[in-house]
Amino acid sequence: MIACKQVAKALANHRYYELPWWRRIPMFIHIKLCVMCGEYHSQVVDMQKGMKNYLEHEEAGDVEPAFHLSDEARKRMQKALRDSE
């Protein structure tokens, strides 16, 4: 069994699915058994998918957000930021 530190390092430095099968199998077992590594794995995968999606949109030239804050929401956020200082 590999250690949590090794799993975290491998997930941070490489794409999980691009690793050779002989490294994926022990990692997969560890991720399924260790709650913390399982949560970290799902966060890394979500981040990789988000970055891939963003880069695809950037290449297409449509990176402007599809949503905008309402004036009321913007004012609430500005007030919360001022109050926190």
N, C-alpha and C. Protein backbone atom coordinates (compact mmCIF):
# COMPACT_ATOMS: atom_id res chain seq x y z
N MET A 1 0.85 -1.18 0.00
CA MET A 1 0.00 0.00 0.00
C MET A 1 0.89 1.24 0.00
N ILE A 2 0.52 2.21 -0.80
CA ILE A 2 1.30 3.43 -0.85
C ILE A 2 0.77 4.44 0.17
N ALA A 3 1.59 5.41 0.53
CA ALA A 3 1.24 6.38 1.56
C ALA A 3 0.45 7.55 0.97
N CYS A 4 -0.27 8.24 1.85
CA CYS A 4 -1.07 9.40 1.44
C CYS A 4 -0.20 10.46 0.77
N LYS A 5 0.99 10.66 1.30
CA LYS A 5 1.90 11.67 0.74
C LYS A 5 2.25 11.34 -0.71
N GLN A 6 2.46 10.07 -1.00
CA GLN A 6 2.78 9.65 -2.36
C GLN A 6 1.59 9.86 -3.29
N VAL A 7 0.39 9.56 -2.80
CA VAL A 7 -0.82 9.75 -3.61
C VAL A 7 -1.01 11.23 -3.90
N ALA A 8 -0.88 12.07 -2.88
CA ALA A 8 -1.07 13.50 -3.06
C ALA A 8 -0.06 14.07 -4.05
N LYS A 9 1.18 13.65 -3.95
CA LYS A 9 2.22 14.14 -4.85
C LYS A 9 1.94 13.69 -6.28
N ALA A 10 1.57 12.43 -6.45
CA ALA A 10 1.29 11.92 -7.79
C ALA A 10 0.08 12.63 -8.41
N LEU A 11 -0.95 12.88 -7.60
CA LEU A 11 -2.13 13.57 -8.12
C LEU A 11 -1.83 15.02 -8.45
N ALA A 12 -0.96 15.65 -7.66
CA ALA A 12 -0.64 17.06 -7.89
C ALA A 12 0.27 17.24 -9.10
N ASN A 13 1.14 16.27 -9.37
CA ASN A 13 2.13 16.43 -10.43
C ASN A 13 1.72 15.83 -11.77
N HIS A 14 0.78 14.92 -11.76
CA HIS A 14 0.41 14.22 -12.99
C HIS A 14 -1.10 14.15 -13.10
N ARG A 15 -1.53 13.93 -14.30
CA ARG A 15 -2.94 13.60 -14.48
C ARG A 15 -3.10 12.12 -14.14
N TYR A 16 -4.02 11.84 -13.28
CA TYR A 16 -4.21 10.47 -12.77
C TYR A 16 -4.38 9.47 -13.90
N TYR A 17 -5.19 9.80 -14.89
CA TYR A 17 -5.50 8.84 -15.94
C TYR A 17 -4.38 8.69 -16.95
N GLU A 18 -3.37 9.54 -16.89
CA GLU A 18 -2.24 9.42 -17.80
C GLU A 18 -1.10 8.60 -17.19
N LEU A 19 -1.21 8.23 -15.94
CA LEU A 19 -0.19 7.41 -15.30
C LEU A 19 -0.24 5.99 -15.85
N PRO A 20 0.88 5.26 -15.84
CA PRO A 20 0.85 3.87 -16.28
C PRO A 20 -0.02 3.02 -15.36
N TRP A 21 -0.56 1.94 -15.89
CA TRP A 21 -1.51 1.11 -15.14
C TRP A 21 -0.92 0.59 -13.84
N TRP A 22 0.38 0.29 -13.83
CA TRP A 22 0.99 -0.29 -12.63
C TRP A 22 1.10 0.74 -11.51
N ARG A 23 0.97 2.02 -11.81
CA ARG A 23 0.92 3.04 -10.76
C ARG A 23 -0.51 3.41 -10.41
N ARG A 24 -1.43 3.27 -11.38
CA ARG A 24 -2.84 3.61 -11.14
C ARG A 24 -3.52 2.64 -10.20
N ILE A 25 -3.21 1.35 -10.31
CA ILE A 25 -3.91 0.34 -9.50
C ILE A 25 -3.69 0.54 -8.01
N PRO A 26 -2.44 0.67 -7.51
CA PRO A 26 -2.28 0.90 -6.08
C PRO A 26 -2.86 2.24 -5.64
N MET A 27 -2.77 3.26 -6.51
CA MET A 27 -3.37 4.55 -6.16
C MET A 27 -4.88 4.43 -6.08
N PHE A 28 -5.48 3.73 -7.03
CA PHE A 28 -6.93 3.55 -7.03
C PHE A 28 -7.39 2.85 -5.76
N ILE A 29 -6.67 1.82 -5.35
CA ILE A 29 -7.03 1.10 -4.12
C ILE A 29 -6.90 2.02 -2.91
N HIS A 30 -5.81 2.77 -2.85
CA HIS A 30 -5.61 3.69 -1.73
C HIS A 30 -6.70 4.77 -1.70
N ILE A 31 -7.02 5.32 -2.86
CA ILE A 31 -8.03 6.37 -2.94
C ILE A 31 -9.39 5.85 -2.50
N LYS A 32 -9.70 4.62 -2.84
CA LYS A 32 -10.99 4.03 -2.43
C LYS A 32 -11.05 3.74 -0.94
N LEU A 33 -9.91 3.42 -0.33
CA LEU A 33 -9.89 3.06 1.09
C LEU A 33 -9.68 4.27 2.01
N CYS A 34 -8.98 5.29 1.56
CA CYS A 34 -8.64 6.44 2.39
C CYS A 34 -9.62 7.59 2.09
N VAL A 35 -10.37 8.01 3.08
CA VAL A 35 -11.37 9.06 2.90
C VAL A 35 -10.73 10.37 2.46
N MET A 36 -9.65 10.75 3.12
CA MET A 36 -9.00 12.03 2.81
C MET A 36 -8.44 12.04 1.38
N CYS A 37 -7.78 10.98 0.99
CA CYS A 37 -7.23 10.91 -0.36
C CYS A 37 -8.35 10.83 -1.40
N GLY A 38 -9.44 10.17 -1.06
CA GLY A 38 -10.58 10.11 -1.97
C GLY A 38 -11.17 11.48 -2.21
N GLU A 39 -11.29 12.28 -1.16
CA GLU A 39 -11.81 13.65 -1.30
C GLU A 39 -10.83 14.51 -2.11
N TYR A 40 -9.55 14.37 -1.81
CA TYR A 40 -8.53 15.13 -2.54
C TYR A 40 -8.54 14.75 -4.01
N HIS A 41 -8.67 13.47 -4.28
CA HIS A 41 -8.72 13.00 -5.67
C HIS A 41 -9.89 13.63 -6.42
N SER A 42 -11.07 13.65 -5.80
CA SER A 42 -12.22 14.23 -6.48
C SER A 42 -12.02 15.72 -6.72
N GLN A 43 -11.37 16.42 -5.78
CA GLN A 43 -11.10 17.84 -5.98
C GLN A 43 -10.11 18.06 -7.12
N VAL A 44 -9.09 17.23 -7.19
CA VAL A 44 -8.09 17.36 -8.26
C VAL A 44 -8.74 17.08 -9.61
N VAL A 45 -9.55 16.05 -9.69
CA VAL A 45 -10.21 15.71 -10.95
C VAL A 45 -11.15 16.85 -11.37
N ASP A 46 -11.91 17.40 -10.42
CA ASP A 46 -12.79 18.52 -10.74
C ASP A 46 -12.00 19.73 -11.24
N MET A 47 -10.88 20.00 -10.60
CA MET A 47 -10.04 21.13 -11.02
C MET A 47 -9.46 20.89 -12.41
N GLN A 48 -9.03 19.67 -12.70
CA GLN A 48 -8.49 19.37 -14.02
C GLN A 48 -9.56 19.51 -15.09
N LYS A 49 -10.77 19.04 -14.80
CA LYS A 49 -11.86 19.17 -15.77
C LYS A 49 -12.20 20.64 -15.99
N GLY A 50 -12.21 21.42 -14.92
CA GLY A 50 -12.50 22.84 -15.05
C GLY A 50 -11.46 23.57 -15.88
N MET A 51 -10.19 23.24 -15.63
CA MET A 51 -9.12 23.88 -16.40
C MET A 51 -9.18 23.46 -17.87
N LYS A 52 -9.47 22.21 -18.11
CA LYS A 52 -9.59 21.75 -19.50
C LYS A 52 -10.73 22.48 -20.20
N ASN A 53 -11.85 22.61 -19.53
CA ASN A 53 -13.00 23.31 -20.08
C ASN A 53 -12.66 24.77 -20.35
N TYR A 54 -12.00 25.42 -19.38
CA TYR A 54 -11.62 26.82 -19.55
C TYR A 54 -10.67 26.99 -20.74
N LEU A 55 -9.67 26.12 -20.85
CA LEU A 55 -8.72 26.22 -21.95
C LEU A 55 -9.37 26.00 -23.31
N GLU A 56 -10.35 25.10 -23.37
CA GLU A 56 -11.08 24.89 -24.61
C GLU A 56 -11.84 26.14 -25.00
N HIS A 57 -12.48 26.79 -24.02
CA HIS A 57 -13.23 28.01 -24.30
C HIS A 57 -12.28 29.17 -24.65
N GLU A 58 -11.13 29.20 -24.00
CA GLU A 58 -10.15 30.25 -24.29
C GLU A 58 -9.66 30.14 -25.72
N GLU A 59 -9.38 28.92 -26.17
CA GLU A 59 -8.94 28.72 -27.55
C GLU A 59 -10.02 29.12 -28.54
N ALA A 60 -11.28 28.90 -28.18
CA ALA A 60 -12.39 29.26 -29.05
C ALA A 60 -12.67 30.77 -28.99
N GLY A 61 -12.12 31.45 -27.99
CA GLY A 61 -12.31 32.89 -27.88
C GLY A 61 -13.58 33.31 -27.16
N ASP A 62 -14.18 32.42 -26.42
CA ASP A 62 -15.41 32.75 -25.70
C ASP A 62 -15.24 32.56 -24.19
N VAL A 63 -14.30 33.28 -23.60
CA VAL A 63 -14.04 33.11 -22.18
C VAL A 63 -14.82 34.08 -21.30
N GLU A 64 -15.60 34.95 -21.90
CA GLU A 64 -16.39 35.87 -21.09
C GLU A 64 -17.42 35.07 -20.31
N PRO A 65 -17.59 35.37 -19.02
CA PRO A 65 -18.54 34.60 -18.23
C PRO A 65 -19.96 34.74 -18.77
N ALA A 66 -20.71 33.66 -18.64
CA ALA A 66 -22.08 33.63 -19.14
C ALA A 66 -23.07 34.22 -18.15
N PHE A 67 -22.60 34.67 -17.00
CA PHE A 67 -23.50 35.24 -16.01
C PHE A 67 -22.91 36.56 -15.50
N HIS A 68 -23.78 37.40 -14.99
CA HIS A 68 -23.36 38.68 -14.44
C HIS A 68 -24.10 38.88 -13.12
N LEU A 69 -23.43 39.53 -12.19
CA LEU A 69 -24.07 39.83 -10.90
C LEU A 69 -25.09 40.94 -11.08
N SER A 70 -26.17 40.81 -10.33
CA SER A 70 -27.14 41.90 -10.31
C SER A 70 -26.54 43.07 -9.53
N ASP A 71 -27.09 44.24 -9.71
CA ASP A 71 -26.58 45.41 -8.98
C ASP A 71 -26.71 45.21 -7.48
N GLU A 72 -27.81 44.60 -7.06
CA GLU A 72 -28.03 44.35 -5.63
C GLU A 72 -26.97 43.41 -5.07
N ALA A 73 -26.67 42.33 -5.79
CA ALA A 73 -25.65 41.38 -5.33
C ALA A 73 -24.28 42.02 -5.29
N ARG A 74 -23.97 42.83 -6.29
CA ARG A 74 -22.68 43.53 -6.32
C ARG A 74 -22.54 44.46 -5.13
N LYS A 75 -23.61 45.19 -4.79
CA LYS A 75 -23.58 46.11 -3.64
C LYS A 75 -23.42 45.34 -2.33
N ARG A 76 -24.08 44.19 -2.21
CA ARG A 76 -23.94 43.38 -0.99
C ARG A 76 -22.51 42.90 -0.82
N MET A 77 -21.90 42.48 -1.92
CA MET A 77 -20.51 42.01 -1.85
C MET A 77 -19.57 43.16 -1.50
N GLN A 78 -19.77 44.32 -2.10
CA GLN A 78 -18.92 45.46 -1.79
C GLN A 78 -19.07 45.86 -0.34
N LYS A 79 -20.29 45.83 0.19
CA LYS A 79 -20.53 46.17 1.59
C LYS A 79 -19.85 45.15 2.50
N ALA A 80 -19.96 43.87 2.17
CA ALA A 80 -19.34 42.82 2.99
C ALA A 80 -17.82 42.98 2.98
N LEU A 81 -17.25 43.35 1.86
CA LEU A 81 -15.80 43.56 1.80
C LEU A 81 -15.38 44.76 2.63
N ARG A 82 -16.15 45.83 2.54
CA ARG A 82 -15.84 47.02 3.36
C ARG A 82 -15.97 46.72 4.85
N ASP A 83 -16.99 45.98 5.22
CA ASP A 83 -17.23 45.65 6.63
C ASP A 83 -16.15 44.73 7.18
N SER A 84 -15.53 43.93 6.34
CA SER A 84 -14.52 42.99 6.82
C SER A 84 -13.16 43.65 7.03
N GLU A 85 -12.97 44.84 6.53
CA GLU A 85 -11.67 45.52 6.68
C GLU A 85 -11.52 46.11 8.01
